Amino acid sequence: MNKDYINKLVQADRNKVGKFLSIAESGAVRSGLTPEQQQKQREYVQRQADAYANAAFRASHKDLSPTDPGYLDAVREMNGVRNNLENLATQQKAIEKNQKQFLDDFSEGRISKANYSDGTTMPLADIYSGISNMEIDEYGNLMFEDGAGKFKPYAQLADYSLKSYDVANSLLSDIEKIADSKKGLSSTQMGLFKNKITATINEASRSDILSILNDDLLPGLGDLDIPEELTKPENIGELKNFVINTINDAGNDINNTFFNTGKDNDIEISSDDKSDEYVMASNTGIPLDQRQSYFNQITNLNAGEQIKIEGFSGSNDPKPTRKGGRGKVDYIIVSNGDGTYTYIGVDSKTDKEVSSGKISEAQLRLEMLGEGPGDLLEQEDVEIWTPNT
């Protein structure tokens, strides 16, 4: 949703709340229900009292026994009236109590813009500032208009979201660890970073996600152009993946500055430190059926998930080249969640960190299994080896 529009909704509610607080300070209004709403409440109580008196009169008729259906109906109606009035009193007290907390949260800026994700102002701003229309249903429920003009029980409108500082601080702490490293994190450490980010986002609620996107709690996220389709409740999974990928890319950008890279946010090794980009080779001595099993596991990974594969090597070329290295590499393979993968590791002989950058599933199949589209086999930067078995 357009952020300018959300800001207009927030400002509209600020004006309502500010006006109410100003009048309240003058002593012209009191907390809780307005005089008009209290009058509706008195009228409801009177109707309930009349119903109770009529039922009590019927129950006391000398011709009715305690087992008579008429007596039982009268007693049931009397009990219903008591329940209705208790329900009404409970909600009235809740409004008086919750109103102060809401107004404090609003005045102190703790209310999250996540409350405006449906494109309307907050019903509670109308309720607690005394401008919402109110009705009372037959069971004593206080009914107020929601943002769409429909009446709903107060209990359905009472909850609201605060800014998600806890989730934002957790994410910011992880990002700051990259910047504070001074020399950049290793590929393995970056893999752990991505796992932590993924876990934090997946455990967060929808209101948490909307808060960190709209409340300017994390630098840069508030400037994102988020497809409105992703903000719908049914698309929360896609929205979380969007945030995960965005933060991971930001982490890569920060980390890559230490290595003077920053190419398309891929995990790459700078040519300045004479490190080499490796490709997986099928001359590893790992049987084909085991490599097939690895491939199946990798392609079933969710975004941010990873597995470790031991003993893959680069090419047999004794000179380190972009295509290979001298020693075997224990690779960590991470799913990027968009059909691409990144494998990272350290060469056992050169102790150099190696990385594939982002590769497609087709390229992964080609490098692990030696099979794929024919045009890939003709590319100069692809070597296919046969199993050394």
Protein backbone atom coordinates (compact mmCIF):
# COMPACT_ATOMS: atom_id res chain seq x y z
CA MET A 1 0.00 0.00 0.00
CA ASN A 2 1.16 3.51 -0.78
CA LYS A 3 3.04 4.83 2.27
CA ASP A 4 1.82 8.38 1.69
CA TYR A 5 -1.75 7.11 1.96
CA ILE A 6 -0.96 5.26 5.20
CA ASN A 7 0.59 8.43 6.61
CA LYS A 8 -2.61 10.33 5.79
CA LEU A 9 -4.65 7.72 7.68
CA VAL A 10 -2.31 7.98 10.67
CA GLN A 11 -2.54 11.77 10.64
CA ALA A 12 -6.34 11.62 10.52
CA ASP A 13 -6.37 9.50 13.67
CA ARG A 14 -3.83 11.78 15.35
CA ASN A 15 -6.17 14.70 14.75
CA LYS A 16 -9.09 12.82 16.34
CA VAL A 17 -7.09 11.73 19.36
CA GLY A 18 -5.48 15.14 19.77
CA LYS A 19 -8.85 16.90 19.71
CA PHE A 20 -10.29 14.50 22.29
CA LEU A 21 -7.30 14.92 24.62
CA SER A 22 -7.52 18.69 24.32
CA ILE A 23 -11.21 18.68 25.27
CA ALA A 24 -10.58 16.14 28.05
CA GLU A 25 -7.93 18.37 29.61
CA SER A 26 -10.47 21.18 29.77
CA GLY A 27 -12.80 18.95 31.76
CA ALA A 28 -15.55 19.07 29.12
CA VAL A 29 -15.50 15.31 28.54
CA ARG A 30 -14.74 12.28 30.67
CA SER A 31 -13.19 8.95 29.83
CA GLY A 32 -15.38 6.03 28.88
CA LEU A 33 -18.64 6.29 27.00
CA THR A 34 -19.96 9.65 25.80
CA PRO A 35 -23.19 11.07 27.29
CA GLU A 36 -25.12 9.97 24.21
CA GLN A 37 -23.69 6.44 24.49
CA GLN A 38 -24.43 6.36 28.21
CA GLN A 39 -28.03 7.29 27.43
CA LYS A 40 -28.29 4.32 25.06
CA GLN A 41 -26.87 2.18 27.82
CA ARG A 42 -29.46 3.42 30.34
CA GLU A 43 -32.25 2.73 27.87
CA TYR A 44 -30.93 -0.80 27.34
CA VAL A 45 -30.69 -1.42 31.10
CA GLN A 46 -34.27 -0.20 31.56
CA ARG A 47 -35.52 -2.56 28.87
CA GLN A 48 -33.65 -5.42 30.50
CA ALA A 49 -35.07 -4.47 33.91
CA ASP A 50 -38.58 -4.54 32.47
CA ALA A 51 -37.95 -7.95 30.92
CA TYR A 52 -36.61 -9.25 34.24
CA ALA A 53 -39.66 -7.93 36.16
CA ASN A 54 -42.07 -9.52 33.69
CA ALA A 55 -40.26 -12.85 33.88
CA ALA A 56 -40.16 -12.72 37.69
CA PHE A 57 -43.87 -11.99 37.77
CA ARG A 58 -44.62 -15.01 35.59
CA ALA A 59 -42.37 -17.26 37.66
CA SER A 60 -44.13 -16.23 40.86
CA HIS A 61 -47.60 -17.18 39.63
CA LYS A 62 -49.21 -19.41 42.21
CA ASP A 63 -50.41 -21.89 39.62
CA LEU A 64 -46.89 -22.66 38.34
CA SER A 65 -44.81 -25.44 39.85
CA PRO A 66 -40.95 -25.49 39.69
CA THR A 67 -41.21 -28.18 37.02
CA ASP A 68 -43.72 -26.35 34.86
CA PRO A 69 -42.34 -25.32 31.40
CA GLY A 70 -43.68 -21.80 31.90
CA TYR A 71 -41.80 -21.46 35.17
CA LEU A 72 -38.58 -22.78 33.64
CA ASP A 73 -38.87 -20.34 30.71
CA ALA A 74 -39.34 -17.42 33.08
CA VAL A 75 -36.33 -18.40 35.17
CA ARG A 76 -34.24 -18.86 32.03
CA GLU A 77 -35.20 -15.35 30.88
CA MET A 78 -34.28 -13.88 34.29
CA ASN A 79 -30.85 -15.58 34.13
CA GLY A 80 -30.39 -14.27 30.60
CA VAL A 81 -31.05 -10.70 31.74
CA ARG A 82 -28.47 -11.03 34.51
CA ASN A 83 -25.89 -12.35 32.02
CA ASN A 84 -26.63 -9.52 29.60
CA LEU A 85 -26.19 -6.83 32.23
CA GLU A 86 -22.97 -8.42 33.54
CA ASN A 87 -21.65 -8.56 29.97
CA LEU A 88 -22.50 -4.89 29.44
CA ALA A 89 -20.85 -3.84 32.70
CA THR A 90 -17.68 -5.82 31.91
CA GLN A 91 -17.29 -4.15 28.51
CA GLN A 92 -17.95 -0.69 29.90
CA LYS A 93 -15.18 -1.16 32.48
CA ALA A 94 -12.86 -2.55 29.79
CA ILE A 95 -13.39 0.52 27.61
CA GLU A 96 -12.61 2.88 30.48
CA LYS A 97 -9.43 0.93 31.29
CA ASN A 98 -8.23 0.36 27.73
CA GLN A 99 -8.94 3.90 26.60
CA LYS A 100 -6.19 5.39 28.76
CA GLN A 101 -3.60 2.84 27.57
CA PHE A 102 -4.52 3.40 23.92
CA LEU A 103 -4.35 7.19 24.21
CA ASP A 104 -0.97 6.92 25.96
CA ASP A 105 0.37 4.57 23.27
CA PHE A 106 -0.89 6.88 20.54
CA SER A 107 0.49 10.04 22.15
CA GLU A 108 3.89 8.41 22.72
CA GLY A 109 4.13 7.11 19.14
CA ARG A 110 4.03 3.41 20.03
CA ILE A 111 1.11 2.56 17.72
CA SER A 112 2.27 0.68 14.62
CA LYS A 113 1.30 1.57 11.08
CA ALA A 114 0.57 -2.13 10.68
CA ASN A 115 -2.90 -1.26 12.02
CA TYR A 116 -3.59 0.58 8.76
CA SER A 117 -2.77 -2.28 6.40
CA ASP A 118 -6.44 -2.67 5.43
CA GLY A 119 -6.53 0.90 4.11
CA THR A 120 -8.78 2.42 6.79
CA THR A 121 -8.31 4.47 9.93
CA MET A 122 -8.31 2.65 13.28
CA PRO A 123 -11.82 2.04 14.69
CA LEU A 124 -10.36 2.40 18.20
CA ALA A 125 -9.34 6.00 17.47
CA ASP A 126 -13.03 6.73 16.81
CA ILE A 127 -14.24 4.67 19.78
CA TYR A 128 -11.91 6.18 22.35
CA SER A 129 -12.30 9.74 21.07
CA GLY A 130 -16.07 9.40 21.34
CA ILE A 131 -17.02 9.88 17.70
CA SER A 132 -17.90 6.30 16.78
CA ASN A 133 -21.53 5.26 16.48
CA MET A 134 -22.51 2.71 19.12
CA GLU A 135 -25.30 0.17 19.43
CA ILE A 136 -26.03 -2.51 22.03
CA ASP A 137 -27.14 -5.94 20.84
CA GLU A 138 -29.64 -8.16 22.66
CA TYR A 139 -26.88 -9.84 24.69
CA GLY A 140 -25.39 -6.63 26.08
CA ASN A 141 -22.49 -6.42 23.64
CA LEU A 142 -21.32 -2.90 22.89
CA MET A 143 -21.20 -2.64 19.10
CA PHE A 144 -19.12 -0.01 17.29
CA GLU A 145 -18.55 0.80 13.64
CA ASP A 146 -15.40 -0.61 12.11
CA GLY A 147 -13.42 1.12 9.38
CA ALA A 148 -15.83 -0.19 6.73
CA GLY A 149 -18.97 1.15 8.44
CA LYS A 150 -20.15 -2.20 9.82
CA PHE A 151 -21.02 -2.72 13.48
CA LYS A 152 -18.84 -5.20 15.36
CA PRO A 153 -18.58 -6.16 19.05
CA TYR A 154 -16.06 -4.12 21.01
CA ALA A 155 -14.13 -7.33 21.83
CA GLN A 156 -13.38 -7.80 18.12
CA LEU A 157 -12.01 -4.27 17.77
CA ALA A 158 -10.11 -3.89 21.06
CA ASP A 159 -6.76 -5.34 19.96
CA TYR A 160 -4.14 -3.25 18.19
CA SER A 161 -0.49 -3.60 17.22
CA LEU A 162 2.45 -1.75 18.69
CA LYS A 163 5.69 -1.11 16.83
CA SER A 164 7.72 -4.31 16.72
CA TYR A 165 10.89 -3.10 18.40
CA ASP A 166 11.91 -6.58 19.57
CA VAL A 167 11.98 -8.10 16.08
CA ALA A 168 13.61 -5.01 14.59
CA ASN A 169 16.31 -4.91 17.27
CA SER A 170 17.05 -8.61 16.77
CA LEU A 171 17.49 -8.11 13.01
CA LEU A 172 19.50 -4.93 13.46
CA SER A 173 21.80 -6.65 15.95
CA ASP A 174 22.56 -9.40 13.43
CA ILE A 175 23.22 -6.89 10.65
CA GLU A 176 25.48 -4.82 12.90
CA LYS A 177 27.62 -7.89 13.59
CA ILE A 178 28.69 -7.78 9.93
CA ALA A 179 29.60 -4.10 10.09
CA ASP A 180 31.34 -4.52 13.44
CA SER A 181 33.48 -7.39 12.15
CA LYS A 182 35.85 -4.79 10.58
CA LYS A 183 37.14 -7.36 8.10
CA GLY A 184 33.94 -9.02 6.96
CA LEU A 185 32.40 -12.38 7.82
CA SER A 186 33.44 -15.66 6.23
CA SER A 187 31.06 -17.50 3.95
CA THR A 188 30.23 -19.91 6.75
CA GLN A 189 29.46 -17.04 9.10
CA MET A 190 27.30 -15.41 6.43
CA GLY A 191 25.43 -18.68 6.09
CA LEU A 192 24.70 -18.59 9.81
CA PHE A 193 23.62 -14.96 9.49
CA LYS A 194 21.12 -15.90 6.81
CA ASN A 195 19.77 -18.79 8.88
CA LYS A 196 19.29 -16.46 11.86
CA ILE A 197 17.49 -13.88 9.74
CA THR A 198 15.24 -16.55 8.23
CA ALA A 199 14.34 -17.96 11.66
CA THR A 200 13.59 -14.52 13.12
CA ILE A 201 11.31 -13.54 10.23
CA ASN A 202 9.51 -16.88 10.09
CA GLU A 203 8.76 -16.72 13.83
CA ALA A 204 7.42 -13.16 13.58
CA SER A 205 3.71 -12.38 13.29
CA ARG A 206 2.15 -10.61 10.33
CA SER A 207 1.84 -7.39 12.35
CA ASP A 208 5.56 -7.67 13.23
CA ILE A 209 6.48 -7.90 9.55
CA LEU A 210 4.23 -5.00 8.58
CA SER A 211 5.70 -2.96 11.43
CA ILE A 212 9.34 -3.37 10.40
CA LEU A 213 8.35 -2.48 6.83
CA ASN A 214 6.27 0.60 7.67
CA ASP A 215 7.48 2.00 10.98
CA ASP A 216 11.05 2.93 9.91
CA LEU A 217 12.56 0.61 12.50
CA LEU A 218 15.30 -0.66 10.16
CA PRO A 219 17.31 1.64 7.86
CA GLY A 220 16.27 1.28 4.24
CA LEU A 221 13.25 -0.99 4.68
CA GLY A 222 10.89 1.95 4.89
CA ASP A 223 11.94 3.00 1.38
CA LEU A 224 11.01 -0.29 -0.27
CA ASP A 225 8.28 -0.40 -2.87
CA ILE A 226 6.31 -3.41 -1.64
CA PRO A 227 3.77 -4.99 -4.03
CA GLU A 228 0.34 -4.45 -2.46
CA GLU A 229 -0.56 -8.07 -3.21
CA LEU A 230 2.06 -9.23 -0.70
CA THR A 231 0.44 -7.30 2.16
CA LYS A 232 -2.76 -9.35 1.99
CA PRO A 233 -3.16 -11.77 4.93
CA GLU A 234 -3.22 -14.84 2.71
CA ASN A 235 0.20 -13.94 1.24
CA ILE A 236 2.11 -13.63 4.51
CA GLY A 237 4.50 -16.44 3.46
CA GLU A 238 5.52 -14.59 0.31
CA LEU A 239 5.87 -11.33 2.25
CA LYS A 240 8.21 -13.00 4.74
CA ASN A 241 10.35 -14.38 1.90
CA PHE A 242 10.48 -10.89 0.40
CA VAL A 243 11.79 -9.47 3.68
CA ILE A 244 14.24 -12.35 4.18
CA ASN A 245 15.74 -11.87 0.73
CA THR A 246 15.88 -8.09 1.15
CA ILE A 247 17.75 -8.28 4.47
CA ASN A 248 20.07 -11.01 3.20
CA ASP A 249 20.93 -8.89 0.18
CA ALA A 250 21.64 -5.95 2.49
CA GLY A 251 23.88 -8.17 4.59
CA ASN A 252 25.74 -9.27 1.47
CA ASP A 253 26.19 -5.66 0.39
CA ILE A 254 27.68 -4.72 3.76
CA ASN A 255 29.92 -7.76 3.87
CA ASN A 256 31.08 -7.34 0.30
CA THR A 257 32.33 -3.83 1.03
CA PHE A 258 35.08 -5.42 3.10
CA PHE A 259 36.25 -7.35 0.02
CA ASN A 260 35.70 -4.54 -2.49
CA THR A 261 33.11 -6.55 -4.42
CA GLY A 262 29.39 -5.85 -4.43
CA LYS A 263 28.51 -7.42 -7.75
CA ASP A 264 24.75 -8.01 -7.89
CA ASN A 265 24.83 -8.91 -4.20
CA ASP A 266 26.28 -12.33 -5.01
CA ILE A 267 28.69 -13.97 -2.59
CA GLU A 268 31.90 -13.63 -4.58
CA ILE A 269 35.62 -13.44 -3.92
CA SER A 270 37.55 -10.35 -4.90
CA SER A 271 40.07 -10.76 -7.68
CA ASP A 272 42.37 -8.49 -5.68
CA ASP A 273 43.05 -11.18 -3.07
CA LYS A 274 43.69 -13.75 -5.83
CA SER A 275 41.02 -16.11 -4.59
CA ASP A 276 39.32 -18.45 -7.03
CA GLU A 277 35.73 -19.22 -7.86
CA TYR A 278 35.24 -22.97 -7.86
CA VAL A 279 32.73 -25.20 -9.55
CA MET A 280 31.68 -28.57 -8.23
CA ALA A 281 33.29 -31.42 -10.02
CA SER A 282 32.21 -34.98 -10.60
CA ASN A 283 35.79 -36.28 -10.17
CA THR A 284 35.36 -36.29 -6.42
CA GLY A 285 35.17 -40.01 -5.87
CA ILE A 286 31.63 -39.60 -4.53
CA PRO A 287 29.38 -42.16 -6.24
CA LEU A 288 26.78 -40.87 -8.63
CA ASP A 289 23.85 -42.18 -6.57
CA GLN A 290 25.13 -40.25 -3.54
CA ARG A 291 25.54 -37.09 -5.60
CA GLN A 292 21.98 -37.62 -6.86
CA SER A 293 20.82 -37.83 -3.25
CA TYR A 294 22.65 -34.59 -2.43
CA PHE A 295 21.08 -32.91 -5.44
CA ASN A 296 17.58 -33.96 -4.35
CA GLN A 297 18.16 -32.63 -0.84
CA ILE A 298 19.46 -29.32 -2.13
CA THR A 299 16.55 -28.69 -4.49
CA ASN A 300 14.10 -29.35 -1.64
CA LEU A 301 15.62 -26.67 0.60
CA ASN A 302 13.52 -23.67 1.57
CA ALA A 303 14.89 -20.12 1.40
CA GLY A 304 17.83 -19.71 3.78
CA GLU A 305 18.15 -23.42 4.53
CA GLN A 306 21.46 -25.16 3.88
CA ILE A 307 23.22 -28.52 3.91
CA LYS A 308 26.87 -29.49 4.05
CA ILE A 309 28.50 -31.69 1.42
CA GLU A 310 31.93 -33.04 2.21
CA GLY A 311 34.73 -33.87 -0.18
CA PHE A 312 33.88 -32.13 -3.45
CA SER A 313 36.87 -30.77 -5.31
CA GLY A 314 37.80 -28.34 -8.02
CA SER A 315 39.45 -29.32 -11.29
CA ASN A 316 42.60 -31.43 -11.69
CA ASP A 317 44.50 -28.46 -13.06
CA PRO A 318 47.56 -28.02 -10.76
CA LYS A 319 47.27 -24.27 -11.23
CA PRO A 320 44.39 -22.65 -9.37
CA THR A 321 42.00 -21.24 -11.93
CA ARG A 322 38.59 -19.66 -11.83
CA LYS A 323 37.17 -23.10 -12.55
CA GLY A 324 38.88 -25.04 -9.82
CA GLY A 325 41.43 -25.43 -7.08
CA ARG A 326 43.97 -27.86 -5.71
CA GLY A 327 42.25 -29.36 -2.69
CA LYS A 328 38.93 -30.85 -1.76
CA VAL A 329 36.27 -28.54 -0.43
CA ASP A 330 33.58 -29.17 2.16
CA TYR A 331 30.78 -27.10 0.69
CA ILE A 332 27.85 -25.49 2.46
CA ILE A 333 25.05 -25.09 -0.05
CA VAL A 334 22.40 -22.45 0.68
CA SER A 335 19.05 -22.03 -1.07
CA ASN A 336 18.31 -18.45 -2.10
CA GLY A 337 14.59 -19.27 -2.30
CA ASP A 338 14.25 -18.10 -5.90
CA GLY A 339 15.39 -21.22 -7.74
CA THR A 340 19.06 -20.33 -7.34
CA TYR A 341 21.68 -21.65 -4.93
CA THR A 342 25.04 -20.60 -3.51
CA TYR A 343 27.75 -22.98 -2.37
CA ILE A 344 30.60 -21.78 -0.23
CA GLY A 345 33.58 -23.38 1.47
CA VAL A 346 37.34 -23.36 2.10
CA ASP A 347 39.95 -25.10 -0.07
CA SER A 348 41.67 -27.75 2.06
CA LYS A 349 45.13 -27.06 0.57
CA THR A 350 45.13 -23.33 -0.06
CA ASP A 351 42.89 -22.30 2.87
CA LYS A 352 41.22 -19.90 0.51
CA GLU A 353 37.53 -19.17 0.81
CA VAL A 354 35.71 -20.18 -2.34
CA SER A 355 32.23 -19.48 -3.63
CA SER A 356 30.06 -20.19 -6.62
CA GLY A 357 28.03 -17.00 -6.58
CA LYS A 358 24.38 -17.62 -7.46
CA ILE A 359 23.79 -20.59 -9.75
CA SER A 360 20.59 -21.94 -11.25
CA GLU A 361 19.17 -25.38 -10.60
CA ALA A 362 20.11 -26.35 -14.16
CA GLN A 363 23.73 -25.34 -13.57
CA LEU A 364 23.73 -27.15 -10.23
CA ARG A 365 22.51 -30.31 -11.97
CA LEU A 366 25.19 -29.87 -14.61
CA GLU A 367 28.00 -29.50 -12.10
CA MET A 368 26.88 -32.18 -9.64
CA LEU A 369 25.52 -34.80 -12.02
CA GLY A 370 27.15 -33.94 -15.35
CA GLU A 371 23.81 -33.61 -17.10
CA GLY A 372 21.79 -30.72 -18.39
CA PRO A 373 20.81 -28.75 -21.49
CA GLY A 374 23.18 -29.27 -24.38
CA ASP A 375 23.96 -25.58 -24.83
CA LEU A 376 25.46 -25.46 -21.35
CA LEU A 377 28.01 -28.07 -22.31
CA GLU A 378 29.36 -25.79 -25.03
CA GLN A 379 30.02 -22.80 -22.74
CA GLU A 380 33.70 -22.04 -22.23
CA ASP A 381 33.41 -21.57 -18.47
CA VAL A 382 31.86 -24.99 -17.79
CA GLU A 383 33.86 -28.19 -17.38
CA ILE A 384 32.31 -31.60 -17.06
CA TRP A 385 34.25 -34.39 -15.36
CA THR A 386 33.56 -38.07 -15.15
CA PRO A 387 33.29 -39.86 -11.77
CA ASN A 388 36.61 -41.12 -10.45
CA THR A 389 35.15 -44.45 -9.36
